[in-house]
Amino acid sequence: MRRSEFERAVVAEFGSRAPALLADLALPAVGDLTAAQAIDRGVAPREVWMALCEEADVPPSRRHGAGRLEPRH
């Protein structure tokens, strides 16, 4: 997962709550950092995405492949 895919996935899943979740929600899976801190410190976007999904109770069916653009036609 690229950072741009991570950002699209977060906005698609959390909408207007996304900025607050990225800045305020501590994620145990990445050392109790927020998602923003983890990304800034070089944690892989996919790892941060999965940690965010786990902490925010996102169903597994909406975790994988999130943030990808549709193929061009």
N, C-alpha and C. Protein backbone atom coordinates (compact mmCIF):
# COMPACT_ATOMS: atom_id res chain seq x y z
N MET A 1 0.85 -1.17 0.00
CA MET A 1 0.00 0.00 0.00
C MET A 1 0.89 1.23 0.00
N ARG A 2 0.61 2.12 -0.92
CA ARG A 2 1.33 3.40 -0.98
C ARG A 2 0.66 4.39 -0.03
N ARG A 3 1.39 5.44 0.25
CA ARG A 3 0.82 6.46 1.15
C ARG A 3 -0.44 7.09 0.56
N SER A 4 -0.45 7.31 -0.75
CA SER A 4 -1.65 7.87 -1.38
C SER A 4 -2.83 6.92 -1.25
N GLU A 5 -2.60 5.62 -1.35
CA GLU A 5 -3.66 4.64 -1.16
C GLU A 5 -4.15 4.66 0.30
N PHE A 6 -3.21 4.78 1.22
CA PHE A 6 -3.56 4.88 2.64
C PHE A 6 -4.47 6.08 2.87
N GLU A 7 -4.09 7.22 2.33
CA GLU A 7 -4.87 8.44 2.53
C GLU A 7 -6.27 8.30 1.93
N ARG A 8 -6.37 7.72 0.73
CA ARG A 8 -7.70 7.50 0.12
C ARG A 8 -8.53 6.54 0.96
N ALA A 9 -7.91 5.49 1.47
CA ALA A 9 -8.64 4.51 2.27
C ALA A 9 -9.17 5.13 3.55
N VAL A 10 -8.35 5.95 4.21
CA VAL A 10 -8.77 6.59 5.46
C VAL A 10 -9.96 7.52 5.22
N VAL A 11 -9.88 8.33 4.18
CA VAL A 11 -10.98 9.24 3.88
C VAL A 11 -12.24 8.47 3.48
N ALA A 12 -12.08 7.42 2.68
CA ALA A 12 -13.24 6.63 2.25
C ALA A 12 -13.91 5.94 3.43
N GLU A 13 -13.13 5.45 4.37
CA GLU A 13 -13.69 4.71 5.50
C GLU A 13 -14.23 5.64 6.58
N PHE A 14 -13.52 6.70 6.89
CA PHE A 14 -13.86 7.51 8.06
C PHE A 14 -14.44 8.89 7.74
N GLY A 15 -14.38 9.30 6.49
CA GLY A 15 -14.98 10.58 6.10
C GLY A 15 -14.45 11.75 6.90
N SER A 16 -15.36 12.56 7.42
CA SER A 16 -14.97 13.79 8.13
C SER A 16 -14.25 13.51 9.45
N ARG A 17 -14.34 12.29 9.95
CA ARG A 17 -13.64 11.93 11.19
C ARG A 17 -12.17 11.61 10.95
N ALA A 18 -11.77 11.45 9.69
CA ALA A 18 -10.42 11.01 9.37
C ALA A 18 -9.32 11.86 10.00
N PRO A 19 -9.34 13.19 9.87
CA PRO A 19 -8.25 13.97 10.46
C PRO A 19 -8.10 13.78 11.97
N ALA A 20 -9.23 13.71 12.67
CA ALA A 20 -9.16 13.52 14.12
C ALA A 20 -8.61 12.14 14.47
N LEU A 21 -9.03 11.11 13.76
CA LEU A 21 -8.52 9.77 14.03
C LEU A 21 -7.02 9.67 13.76
N LEU A 22 -6.58 10.26 12.66
CA LEU A 22 -5.16 10.22 12.33
C LEU A 22 -4.31 10.93 13.38
N ALA A 23 -4.83 12.00 13.93
CA ALA A 23 -4.05 12.82 14.86
C ALA A 23 -4.19 12.40 16.32
N ASP A 24 -5.31 11.77 16.68
CA ASP A 24 -5.60 11.57 18.10
C ASP A 24 -5.66 10.13 18.59
N LEU A 25 -5.97 9.18 17.73
CA LEU A 25 -6.17 7.80 18.17
C LEU A 25 -4.84 7.07 18.29
N ALA A 26 -4.47 6.67 19.51
CA ALA A 26 -3.24 5.90 19.73
C ALA A 26 -3.46 4.46 19.28
N LEU A 27 -2.50 3.92 18.53
CA LEU A 27 -2.61 2.59 17.96
C LEU A 27 -1.60 1.65 18.63
N PRO A 28 -2.07 0.75 19.49
CA PRO A 28 -1.15 -0.17 20.18
C PRO A 28 -0.27 -0.98 19.23
N ALA A 29 -0.79 -1.34 18.08
CA ALA A 29 -0.04 -2.19 17.15
C ALA A 29 1.20 -1.50 16.56
N VAL A 30 1.26 -0.18 16.67
CA VAL A 30 2.43 0.55 16.18
C VAL A 30 3.08 1.35 17.31
N GLY A 31 3.10 0.75 18.49
CA GLY A 31 3.80 1.36 19.62
C GLY A 31 3.08 2.50 20.28
N ASP A 32 1.76 2.49 20.24
CA ASP A 32 0.93 3.54 20.83
C ASP A 32 1.14 4.91 20.18
N LEU A 33 1.62 4.91 18.95
CA LEU A 33 1.70 6.14 18.18
C LEU A 33 0.36 6.38 17.52
N THR A 34 0.09 7.63 17.15
CA THR A 34 -1.08 7.89 16.31
C THR A 34 -0.71 7.47 14.88
N ALA A 35 -1.71 7.38 14.03
CA ALA A 35 -1.44 7.02 12.64
C ALA A 35 -0.52 8.05 11.99
N ALA A 36 -0.77 9.32 12.25
CA ALA A 36 0.07 10.38 11.68
C ALA A 36 1.52 10.27 12.15
N GLN A 37 1.70 10.01 13.43
CA GLN A 37 3.06 9.86 13.96
C GLN A 37 3.75 8.65 13.35
N ALA A 38 3.01 7.54 13.26
CA ALA A 38 3.60 6.32 12.71
C ALA A 38 4.04 6.52 11.26
N ILE A 39 3.19 7.14 10.46
CA ILE A 39 3.55 7.41 9.06
C ILE A 39 4.78 8.31 9.00
N ASP A 40 4.79 9.37 9.82
CA ASP A 40 5.93 10.30 9.83
C ASP A 40 7.23 9.62 10.26
N ARG A 41 7.12 8.59 11.07
CA ARG A 41 8.32 7.87 11.54
C ARG A 41 8.71 6.70 10.66
N GLY A 42 8.02 6.56 9.55
CA GLY A 42 8.44 5.56 8.56
C GLY A 42 7.77 4.20 8.67
N VAL A 43 6.76 4.07 9.49
CA VAL A 43 6.03 2.81 9.55
C VAL A 43 5.29 2.65 8.22
N ALA A 44 5.30 1.46 7.68
CA ALA A 44 4.66 1.21 6.39
C ALA A 44 3.18 1.57 6.43
N PRO A 45 2.69 2.27 5.41
CA PRO A 45 1.28 2.66 5.39
C PRO A 45 0.32 1.49 5.58
N ARG A 46 0.62 0.34 5.01
CA ARG A 46 -0.26 -0.83 5.17
C ARG A 46 -0.33 -1.25 6.63
N GLU A 47 0.80 -1.24 7.32
CA GLU A 47 0.82 -1.60 8.74
C GLU A 47 -0.01 -0.61 9.56
N VAL A 48 0.11 0.66 9.24
CA VAL A 48 -0.66 1.70 9.94
C VAL A 48 -2.14 1.53 9.62
N TRP A 49 -2.47 1.26 8.36
CA TRP A 49 -3.87 1.07 7.97
C TRP A 49 -4.49 -0.10 8.75
N MET A 50 -3.78 -1.22 8.82
CA MET A 50 -4.31 -2.38 9.52
C MET A 50 -4.46 -2.08 11.01
N ALA A 51 -3.52 -1.37 11.60
CA ALA A 51 -3.61 -1.00 13.02
C ALA A 51 -4.80 -0.07 13.25
N LEU A 52 -5.00 0.88 12.36
CA LEU A 52 -6.12 1.81 12.47
C LEU A 52 -7.44 1.06 12.34
N CYS A 53 -7.51 0.16 11.39
CA CYS A 53 -8.73 -0.64 11.20
C CYS A 53 -9.03 -1.47 12.43
N GLU A 54 -8.01 -2.09 12.99
CA GLU A 54 -8.20 -2.92 14.18
C GLU A 54 -8.73 -2.09 15.34
N GLU A 55 -8.12 -0.96 15.57
CA GLU A 55 -8.51 -0.11 16.71
C GLU A 55 -9.88 0.52 16.52
N ALA A 56 -10.25 0.79 15.27
CA ALA A 56 -11.54 1.44 14.99
C ALA A 56 -12.64 0.43 14.63
N ASP A 57 -12.35 -0.86 14.78
CA ASP A 57 -13.34 -1.92 14.51
C ASP A 57 -13.89 -1.89 13.09
N VAL A 58 -13.02 -1.65 12.12
CA VAL A 58 -13.42 -1.73 10.72
C VAL A 58 -13.53 -3.21 10.37
N PRO A 59 -14.65 -3.63 9.79
CA PRO A 59 -14.81 -5.05 9.43
C PRO A 59 -13.72 -5.52 8.47
N PRO A 60 -13.25 -6.75 8.62
CA PRO A 60 -12.20 -7.26 7.72
C PRO A 60 -12.54 -7.14 6.24
N SER A 61 -13.79 -7.22 5.89
CA SER A 61 -14.18 -7.13 4.49
C SER A 61 -13.88 -5.76 3.87
N ARG A 62 -13.67 -4.74 4.70
CA ARG A 62 -13.37 -3.40 4.18
C ARG A 62 -11.91 -3.01 4.39
N ARG A 63 -11.08 -3.94 4.82
CA ARG A 63 -9.68 -3.60 5.09
C ARG A 63 -8.77 -3.84 3.90
N HIS A 64 -8.91 -4.93 3.24
CA HIS A 64 -7.97 -5.32 2.19
C HIS A 64 -8.32 -4.68 0.86
N GLY A 65 -7.32 -4.15 0.19
CA GLY A 65 -7.53 -3.51 -1.10
C GLY A 65 -8.07 -2.10 -1.03
N ALA A 66 -8.27 -1.60 0.17
CA ALA A 66 -8.80 -0.25 0.34
C ALA A 66 -7.82 0.78 -0.20
N GLY A 67 -8.35 1.82 -0.79
CA GLY A 67 -7.52 2.93 -1.27
C GLY A 67 -7.03 2.79 -2.69
N ARG A 68 -7.24 1.64 -3.29
CA ARG A 68 -6.78 1.46 -4.66
C ARG A 68 -7.70 2.18 -5.63
N LEU A 69 -7.09 2.74 -6.65
CA LEU A 69 -7.88 3.36 -7.70
C LEU A 69 -8.44 2.28 -8.60
N GLU A 70 -9.57 2.56 -9.19
CA GLU A 70 -10.15 1.63 -10.16
C GLU A 70 -9.25 1.61 -11.40
N PRO A 71 -9.14 0.47 -12.06
CA PRO A 71 -8.31 0.42 -13.28
C PRO A 71 -8.87 1.34 -14.36
N ARG A 72 -7.98 1.89 -15.14
CA ARG A 72 -8.41 2.75 -16.26
C ARG A 72 -9.04 1.89 -17.32
N HIS A 73 -10.04 2.45 -17.99
CA HIS A 73 -10.73 1.71 -19.07
C HIS A 73 -10.24 2.17 -20.40
